[in-house]
Amino acid sequence: MKKSFSVKIDPFLFFLVLLLVTIGLFAVYSATQTQETEQFNLFNKQLFFAFLGLIVILFTAYIPFKVFEKIAIPFYFFSLLLLVFVYIFGTKGQGITRWLSFGSIKIQPAEIAKLATILMVAKYLSNKEVNINRLKNLGITLLIILTPFILIAKQPDLGTSLVFLALLIPILFWANLNWFTMFVIVAPIFTMILSFNFYAFLVWMLIISFILFISHRKTLILVVVFFFHILVGMVTPQLWGQLKPYQQKRISTFANPESDPKGAGYQIIQSKVAIGSGGIWGKGYMEGSQTQLRFLPAQHTDFIFSVIGEEKGLVGVIFTLIIFLLLLLYLLYLGSIVKSPFASLSIVGVTTVLLSHIVVNVGMTVGLAPVTGLPLPFISYGGSFLLSTLLMIAVINNFSVNRFEV
């Protein structure tokens, strides 16, 4: 007897994503409606990629579960090849090379590399012979993540490259890395930040000394870790000098955007005005003055959240954030119940990428994070980003409907 056709879909996951994509389409239409001839062009492009991405979710559900694990390695090296091609054949603009052009079609290899890296790390760590607490296995894991990070940071695209670094901690934690090694990896980040203030750096070094003392590790290891942090503190100012001027400006104006109200601080100031003026209920759809009068740069891309805040107010902002929260919590739930270690690690990786984008994007629109150019998942305008994000969801949907397979 022939099996009846059934749609393989995780209804709750699909509903949350569809809701966010719909919010995004409405926001993009409003943010671009004053651009006259551009309006329908931009909106139609976003609508096309949204429709294509949702079709991909439905189609990917029928791919055999094991295929994703089998293609992880070639997919990863293919993504690295594309990142290298960016330097050779990429489209340049203002000293930045991030895109590969194929006629009228442009792709951003960094977006492809996100999913490829997640699957590669999951493939490696799910191997029964791999123990993340062995130095060799940890080193290979770091190499898998840091390779695309370096290639993307050199484009330069510091914001996107930092998303790859964000993958480290959650995935290593999920893979049961011991606490001391986790501390050794994470602590240098705080050392770099605090090295700009002598007294903060001194207190931090005392804290590190205490943690090293109670760890009861070999003396040689403790000495190496301690002096490594001293070295990081000394080198950090030199690394600051390696940043592009616009990157330094973004970071320096983060704490005080009013210091450069017509330059680097302009976006943050206008974003705060837009969100604040929305009040509780908002000014109404397509009624926001900051949006419609185009006071806010990049309002349909990086600052799309400001459009929602101005038009829908606090209620719209909270509603959108609740949907994001439900999605992230549900993804973590899926990561904890799937039987396959590969699927579980992959889901945690995707959750981390989405969380990084959400926190940084929302943070920069309200002045709590530097402007890094990270778009808001499912909502910001951008074909490559939307399609790559929906592709991640498509893979997770496959893992969800095959959650009992190992």
Protein backbone atom coordinates (compact mmCIF):
# COMPACT_ATOMS: atom_id res chain seq x y z
CA MET A 1 0.00 0.00 0.00
CA LYS A 2 1.36 3.39 -0.98
CA LYS A 3 2.15 5.81 1.82
CA SER A 4 0.04 8.95 1.83
CA PHE A 5 1.86 12.20 1.25
CA SER A 6 2.44 14.25 4.39
CA VAL A 7 4.08 17.61 4.94
CA LYS A 8 7.17 17.27 7.10
CA ILE A 9 7.17 20.45 9.09
CA ASP A 10 7.63 21.52 12.69
CA PRO A 11 4.48 23.67 12.98
CA PHE A 12 5.60 25.76 15.95
CA LEU A 13 9.02 26.50 14.45
CA PHE A 14 7.50 27.35 11.07
CA PHE A 15 4.85 29.58 12.66
CA LEU A 16 7.39 31.63 14.64
CA VAL A 17 9.65 32.09 11.62
CA LEU A 18 6.74 32.98 9.34
CA LEU A 19 5.58 35.56 11.88
CA LEU A 20 9.02 37.19 12.04
CA VAL A 21 9.38 37.20 8.25
CA THR A 22 5.95 38.84 7.96
CA ILE A 23 6.92 41.52 10.48
CA GLY A 24 10.06 42.09 8.45
CA LEU A 25 8.21 42.45 5.15
CA PHE A 26 5.86 45.06 6.60
CA ALA A 27 8.80 46.94 8.12
CA VAL A 28 10.84 46.85 4.90
CA TYR A 29 7.87 48.12 2.87
CA SER A 30 7.38 51.04 5.25
CA ALA A 31 11.10 51.84 5.44
CA THR A 32 11.44 51.97 1.65
CA GLN A 33 8.09 53.49 0.64
CA THR A 34 9.51 57.03 0.30
CA GLN A 35 12.09 55.84 -2.24
CA GLU A 36 9.48 55.92 -5.03
CA THR A 37 10.87 53.73 -7.85
CA GLU A 38 13.13 51.85 -5.42
CA GLN A 39 10.28 50.97 -3.10
CA PHE A 40 8.70 48.11 -5.00
CA ASN A 41 12.08 46.95 -6.27
CA LEU A 42 13.51 46.53 -2.75
CA PHE A 43 10.29 45.16 -1.28
CA ASN A 44 9.75 42.73 -4.15
CA LYS A 45 13.32 41.45 -3.80
CA GLN A 46 12.78 40.84 -0.09
CA LEU A 47 9.41 39.20 -0.78
CA PHE A 48 11.01 36.95 -3.40
CA PHE A 49 13.79 35.78 -1.09
CA ALA A 50 11.31 35.30 1.76
CA PHE A 51 9.11 33.12 -0.45
CA LEU A 52 12.15 31.23 -1.76
CA GLY A 53 13.44 30.66 1.77
CA LEU A 54 10.11 29.31 3.00
CA ILE A 55 9.99 26.94 0.01
CA VAL A 56 13.51 25.80 0.92
CA ILE A 57 12.27 24.94 4.42
CA LEU A 58 9.53 22.74 2.99
CA PHE A 59 11.82 21.13 0.41
CA THR A 60 14.73 20.49 2.80
CA ALA A 61 12.46 18.51 5.12
CA TYR A 62 12.48 15.64 2.62
CA ILE A 63 16.28 15.38 2.39
CA PRO A 64 17.51 12.26 4.24
CA PHE A 65 18.71 13.21 7.70
CA LYS A 66 22.23 11.80 7.26
CA VAL A 67 22.91 13.85 4.13
CA PHE A 68 23.70 16.98 6.15
CA GLU A 69 26.35 15.14 8.12
CA LYS A 70 27.85 13.69 4.93
CA ILE A 71 28.11 17.05 3.15
CA ALA A 72 29.45 18.96 6.17
CA ILE A 73 33.13 18.66 5.21
CA PRO A 74 32.86 19.50 1.47
CA PHE A 75 30.37 22.28 2.25
CA TYR A 76 32.80 23.83 4.74
CA PHE A 77 35.75 23.83 2.34
CA PHE A 78 33.52 25.14 -0.45
CA SER A 79 32.56 28.08 1.80
CA LEU A 80 36.25 28.76 2.51
CA LEU A 81 36.93 28.72 -1.22
CA LEU A 82 34.21 31.31 -1.76
CA LEU A 83 35.74 33.49 0.98
CA VAL A 84 39.09 33.31 -0.82
CA PHE A 85 37.40 34.14 -4.13
CA VAL A 86 36.08 37.32 -2.52
CA TYR A 87 39.64 38.68 -2.43
CA ILE A 88 40.24 37.75 -6.08
CA PHE A 89 36.93 38.37 -7.82
CA GLY A 90 34.93 40.26 -5.17
CA THR A 91 33.07 43.53 -5.70
CA LYS A 92 35.02 46.37 -4.08
CA GLY A 93 33.65 49.53 -2.57
CA GLN A 94 35.32 52.01 -0.20
CA GLY A 95 38.12 49.54 0.56
CA ILE A 96 35.65 46.78 1.52
CA THR A 97 35.27 43.50 -0.38
CA ARG A 98 32.39 41.30 0.77
CA TRP A 99 30.40 40.26 -2.29
CA LEU A 100 30.72 37.96 -5.28
CA SER A 101 28.76 39.11 -8.32
CA PHE A 102 27.20 36.81 -10.91
CA GLY A 103 25.59 39.23 -13.33
CA SER A 104 22.84 41.02 -11.42
CA ILE A 105 23.00 38.49 -8.60
CA LYS A 106 25.23 39.15 -5.60
CA ILE A 107 26.05 36.69 -2.84
CA GLN A 108 27.85 37.26 0.43
CA PRO A 109 30.03 34.18 1.11
CA ALA A 110 30.27 35.08 4.80
CA GLU A 111 26.59 34.18 5.19
CA ILE A 112 27.15 30.77 3.59
CA ALA A 113 30.18 30.22 5.83
CA LYS A 114 28.08 30.54 8.98
CA LEU A 115 26.03 27.42 8.35
CA ALA A 116 28.99 25.60 6.80
CA THR A 117 31.13 26.23 9.88
CA ILE A 118 28.36 25.16 12.24
CA LEU A 119 27.87 21.87 10.41
CA MET A 120 31.62 21.26 10.21
CA VAL A 121 32.16 21.81 13.93
CA ALA A 122 29.14 19.64 14.74
CA LYS A 123 30.44 16.91 12.42
CA TYR A 124 33.85 16.93 14.08
CA LEU A 125 32.70 17.09 17.70
CA SER A 126 30.00 14.44 17.22
CA ASN A 127 32.71 11.92 16.32
CA LYS A 128 32.89 9.41 19.18
CA GLU A 129 36.68 9.37 18.99
CA VAL A 130 36.89 13.14 19.58
CA ASN A 131 37.30 14.39 23.15
CA ILE A 132 37.06 18.17 23.33
CA ASN A 133 39.16 18.17 26.51
CA ARG A 134 42.17 16.88 24.61
CA LEU A 135 44.46 19.64 23.39
CA LYS A 136 44.64 18.24 19.86
CA ASN A 137 40.85 18.02 19.45
CA LEU A 138 40.33 21.46 20.97
CA GLY A 139 42.97 22.90 18.65
CA ILE A 140 41.27 21.45 15.56
CA THR A 141 37.91 22.84 16.71
CA LEU A 142 39.43 26.29 17.17
CA LEU A 143 41.06 26.05 13.73
CA ILE A 144 37.70 25.20 12.09
CA ILE A 145 36.09 28.32 13.58
CA LEU A 146 39.01 30.74 13.40
CA THR A 147 39.79 30.12 9.71
CA PRO A 148 36.58 31.74 8.36
CA PHE A 149 36.80 34.31 11.17
CA ILE A 150 40.18 35.53 9.89
CA LEU A 151 39.14 35.48 6.23
CA ILE A 152 36.02 37.55 6.97
CA ALA A 153 37.75 39.96 9.37
CA LYS A 154 40.27 40.78 6.63
CA GLN A 155 37.55 41.85 4.16
CA PRO A 156 37.09 43.80 6.52
CA ASP A 157 33.80 42.74 8.12
CA LEU A 158 34.48 42.83 11.84
CA GLY A 159 30.82 42.53 12.83
CA THR A 160 30.16 39.30 10.92
CA SER A 161 33.53 37.82 11.87
CA LEU A 162 32.75 38.27 15.57
CA VAL A 163 29.68 36.07 15.11
CA PHE A 164 32.08 33.19 14.43
CA LEU A 165 33.90 33.87 17.70
CA ALA A 166 30.54 33.85 19.48
CA LEU A 167 30.11 30.24 18.32
CA LEU A 168 33.03 29.10 20.44
CA ILE A 169 31.65 29.25 23.96
CA PRO A 170 28.15 27.73 23.53
CA ILE A 171 29.35 24.91 21.27
CA LEU A 172 32.35 24.07 23.47
CA PHE A 173 30.09 24.16 26.53
CA TRP A 174 27.57 21.88 24.81
CA ALA A 175 30.43 19.52 23.92
CA ASN A 176 31.34 19.29 27.65
CA LEU A 177 34.57 21.26 27.70
CA ASN A 178 35.92 21.46 31.27
CA TRP A 179 35.52 24.74 33.16
CA PHE A 180 39.23 25.61 33.38
CA THR A 181 39.81 25.36 29.63
CA MET A 182 36.64 27.38 29.08
CA PHE A 183 38.02 30.05 31.42
CA VAL A 184 41.35 30.09 29.57
CA ILE A 185 39.50 30.72 26.29
CA VAL A 186 37.02 33.33 27.53
CA ALA A 187 39.18 35.33 29.97
CA PRO A 188 41.39 37.02 27.32
CA ILE A 189 38.32 38.78 25.93
CA PHE A 190 37.81 40.56 29.25
CA THR A 191 41.54 41.19 29.50
CA MET A 192 41.47 43.03 26.18
CA ILE A 193 38.49 45.16 27.22
CA LEU A 194 39.82 46.02 30.67
CA SER A 195 43.38 46.70 29.47
CA PHE A 196 42.37 50.23 28.47
CA ASN A 197 42.01 51.13 32.17
CA PHE A 198 45.00 50.45 34.42
CA TYR A 199 43.05 50.00 37.67
CA ALA A 200 40.38 47.80 36.08
CA PHE A 201 43.13 45.72 34.50
CA LEU A 202 44.91 45.41 37.88
CA VAL A 203 41.74 44.18 39.62
CA TRP A 204 41.09 41.74 36.78
CA MET A 205 44.60 40.31 37.08
CA LEU A 206 44.00 39.74 40.81
CA ILE A 207 40.79 37.87 39.97
CA ILE A 208 42.65 35.76 37.40
CA SER A 209 45.34 34.99 39.97
CA PHE A 210 42.72 33.77 42.43
CA ILE A 211 40.99 31.58 39.84
CA LEU A 212 44.31 30.09 38.77
CA PHE A 213 45.20 29.40 42.42
CA ILE A 214 42.00 27.47 43.16
CA SER A 215 42.22 25.50 39.90
CA HIS A 216 45.07 23.35 41.30
CA ARG A 217 46.69 22.95 37.89
CA LYS A 218 50.37 22.40 37.22
CA THR A 219 52.56 25.37 38.10
CA LEU A 220 53.90 25.69 34.56
CA ILE A 221 50.37 25.95 33.14
CA LEU A 222 49.38 28.60 35.68
CA VAL A 223 52.47 30.70 34.97
CA VAL A 224 51.94 30.48 31.19
CA VAL A 225 48.26 31.52 31.50
CA PHE A 226 49.08 34.42 33.82
CA PHE A 227 51.82 35.88 31.65
CA PHE A 228 49.72 35.33 28.54
CA HIS A 229 47.17 37.73 30.01
CA ILE A 230 49.92 40.25 30.71
CA LEU A 231 50.96 39.94 27.07
CA VAL A 232 47.36 40.39 25.87
CA GLY A 233 47.07 43.55 27.95
CA MET A 234 50.23 44.95 26.38
CA VAL A 235 49.34 43.99 22.81
CA THR A 236 45.72 45.21 22.84
CA PRO A 237 46.60 48.89 22.13
CA GLN A 238 48.55 47.69 19.10
CA LEU A 239 45.55 45.70 17.90
CA TRP A 240 43.42 48.82 18.29
CA GLY A 241 45.74 50.56 15.89
CA GLN A 242 45.11 47.82 13.31
CA LEU A 243 41.40 48.62 13.10
CA LYS A 244 40.11 50.70 10.23
CA PRO A 245 39.43 54.37 11.11
CA TYR A 246 35.68 53.93 10.68
CA GLN A 247 35.75 50.91 13.02
CA GLN A 248 37.62 52.89 15.68
CA LYS A 249 35.14 55.72 15.27
CA ARG A 250 32.17 53.41 15.74
CA ILE A 251 33.57 52.02 18.96
CA SER A 252 34.73 55.36 20.39
CA THR A 253 31.34 57.01 19.75
CA PHE A 254 29.45 54.05 21.19
CA ALA A 255 29.66 55.36 24.77
CA ASN A 256 29.07 58.99 23.79
CA PRO A 257 27.38 59.38 20.38
CA GLU A 258 26.72 63.05 21.12
CA SER A 259 30.46 63.68 20.76
CA ASP A 260 30.03 63.36 17.00
CA PRO A 261 26.31 64.08 16.36
CA LYS A 262 26.73 64.70 12.64
CA GLY A 263 29.21 61.89 12.01
CA ALA A 264 29.62 58.46 13.61
CA GLY A 265 27.07 59.21 16.34
CA TYR A 266 24.34 60.32 13.93
CA GLN A 267 22.79 56.88 13.37
CA ILE A 268 22.60 56.04 17.07
CA ILE A 269 21.09 59.43 17.96
CA GLN A 270 18.44 59.23 15.22
CA SER A 271 17.68 55.63 16.15
CA LYS A 272 17.09 56.58 19.79
CA VAL A 273 14.86 59.46 18.69
CA ALA A 274 12.84 57.13 16.45
CA ILE A 275 12.33 54.46 19.11
CA GLY A 276 11.68 56.98 21.89
CA SER A 277 9.17 58.96 19.85
CA GLY A 278 7.12 55.82 19.28
CA GLY A 279 5.92 55.88 22.87
CA ILE A 280 3.81 52.97 24.09
CA TRP A 281 1.58 52.36 21.08
CA GLY A 282 3.65 53.89 18.28
CA LYS A 283 2.81 56.51 15.66
CA GLY A 284 1.07 54.06 13.36
CA TYR A 285 2.11 52.07 10.31
CA MET A 286 3.97 54.24 7.79
CA GLU A 287 3.39 57.28 10.01
CA GLY A 288 6.82 57.56 11.63
CA SER A 289 8.47 60.90 10.96
CA GLN A 290 12.05 59.63 11.36
CA THR A 291 11.33 56.77 8.96
CA GLN A 292 9.25 58.55 6.33
CA LEU A 293 11.42 61.67 6.26
CA ARG A 294 14.50 59.42 6.07
CA PHE A 295 16.41 60.94 8.96
CA LEU A 296 17.62 57.46 9.87
CA PRO A 297 20.35 55.96 7.62
CA ALA A 298 20.18 52.23 6.82
CA GLN A 299 16.64 52.14 8.18
CA HIS A 300 15.62 49.18 6.02
CA THR A 301 18.76 47.15 6.83
CA ASP A 302 20.75 47.52 10.05
CA PHE A 303 18.28 49.88 11.78
CA ILE A 304 15.00 48.19 10.84
CA PHE A 305 14.26 47.67 14.55
CA SER A 306 14.06 51.46 14.95
CA VAL A 307 11.29 51.51 12.33
CA ILE A 308 9.30 48.98 14.36
CA GLY A 309 9.89 50.99 17.55
CA GLU A 310 8.71 54.25 15.99
CA GLU A 311 5.64 52.85 14.24
CA LYS A 312 4.51 50.22 16.75
CA GLY A 313 5.94 51.67 19.95
CA LEU A 314 6.86 49.75 23.09
CA VAL A 315 4.08 47.24 22.45
CA GLY A 316 5.45 46.36 19.01
CA VAL A 317 9.01 46.16 20.30
CA ILE A 318 8.07 43.84 23.17
CA PHE A 319 5.94 41.67 20.87
CA THR A 320 8.81 41.27 18.41
CA LEU A 321 11.31 40.47 21.16
CA ILE A 322 8.93 37.90 22.68
CA ILE A 323 8.70 36.11 19.32
CA PHE A 324 12.50 36.06 19.11
CA LEU A 325 12.72 34.76 22.68
CA LEU A 326 10.20 31.98 22.00
CA LEU A 327 12.16 30.99 18.90
CA LEU A 328 15.50 30.85 20.74
CA LEU A 329 14.06 28.90 23.67
CA TYR A 330 12.38 26.46 21.32
CA LEU A 331 15.63 25.94 19.42
CA LEU A 332 17.42 25.16 22.68
CA TYR A 333 14.62 22.75 23.54
CA LEU A 334 15.08 20.99 20.21
CA GLY A 335 18.84 20.89 20.78
CA SER A 336 18.28 19.08 24.07
CA ILE A 337 15.82 16.45 22.80
CA VAL A 338 17.21 15.37 19.41
CA LYS A 339 18.96 12.02 19.58
CA SER A 340 21.78 12.84 17.17
CA PRO A 341 24.81 14.62 18.70
CA PHE A 342 25.48 16.14 15.27
CA ALA A 343 21.98 17.61 15.12
CA SER A 344 22.15 18.81 18.71
CA LEU A 345 25.45 20.66 18.21
CA SER A 346 24.21 22.13 14.92
CA ILE A 347 21.06 23.49 16.55
CA VAL A 348 23.09 25.10 19.35
CA GLY A 349 25.35 26.69 16.72
CA VAL A 350 22.43 28.16 14.79
CA THR A 351 20.85 29.41 18.02
CA THR A 352 24.11 31.16 18.90
CA VAL A 353 24.34 32.87 15.51
CA LEU A 354 20.75 34.12 15.74
CA LEU A 355 21.21 35.28 19.34
CA SER A 356 24.40 37.17 18.43
CA HIS A 357 22.65 39.02 15.62
CA ILE A 358 19.61 39.85 17.75
CA VAL A 359 21.56 41.10 20.78
CA VAL A 360 24.02 43.19 18.76
CA ASN A 361 21.44 44.62 16.34
CA VAL A 362 18.89 45.57 18.99
CA GLY A 363 21.70 46.78 21.24
CA MET A 364 23.13 49.15 18.65
CA THR A 365 19.70 50.64 17.81
CA VAL A 366 19.25 51.70 21.44
CA GLY A 367 22.89 52.69 22.00
CA LEU A 368 23.90 49.67 24.09
CA ALA A 369 26.31 48.24 21.49
CA PRO A 370 28.64 49.73 18.85
CA VAL A 371 27.33 49.97 15.29
CA THR A 372 28.71 46.83 13.66
CA GLY A 373 26.46 46.39 10.63
CA LEU A 374 24.85 43.15 11.81
CA PRO A 375 21.29 42.84 10.43
CA LEU A 376 18.28 41.63 12.41
CA PRO A 377 17.39 38.00 11.53
CA PHE A 378 14.28 37.51 9.35
CA ILE A 379 13.47 41.23 9.48
CA SER A 380 16.30 43.35 8.01
CA TYR A 381 16.41 43.83 4.24
CA GLY A 382 19.00 41.68 2.48
CA GLY A 383 18.49 38.72 0.17
CA SER A 384 21.67 36.77 1.03
CA PHE A 385 21.17 37.19 4.76
CA LEU A 386 17.47 36.32 4.73
CA LEU A 387 17.97 33.27 2.53
CA SER A 388 20.94 31.99 4.54
CA THR A 389 19.02 32.47 7.80
CA LEU A 390 15.99 30.60 6.45
CA LEU A 391 18.33 27.87 5.21
CA MET A 392 19.56 27.44 8.78
CA ILE A 393 15.95 27.10 9.91
CA ALA A 394 15.35 24.61 7.09
CA VAL A 395 18.16 22.40 8.40
CA ILE A 396 16.83 22.63 11.95
CA ASN A 397 13.32 21.79 10.74
CA ASN A 398 14.77 18.64 9.17
CA PHE A 399 16.47 17.75 12.45
CA SER A 400 13.22 18.41 14.33
CA VAL A 401 11.04 16.12 12.21
CA ASN A 402 13.80 13.48 12.42
CA ARG A 403 14.53 14.07 16.09
CA PHE A 404 14.53 10.38 17.00
CA GLU A 405 17.17 9.42 14.44
CA VAL A 406 20.78 9.06 15.57
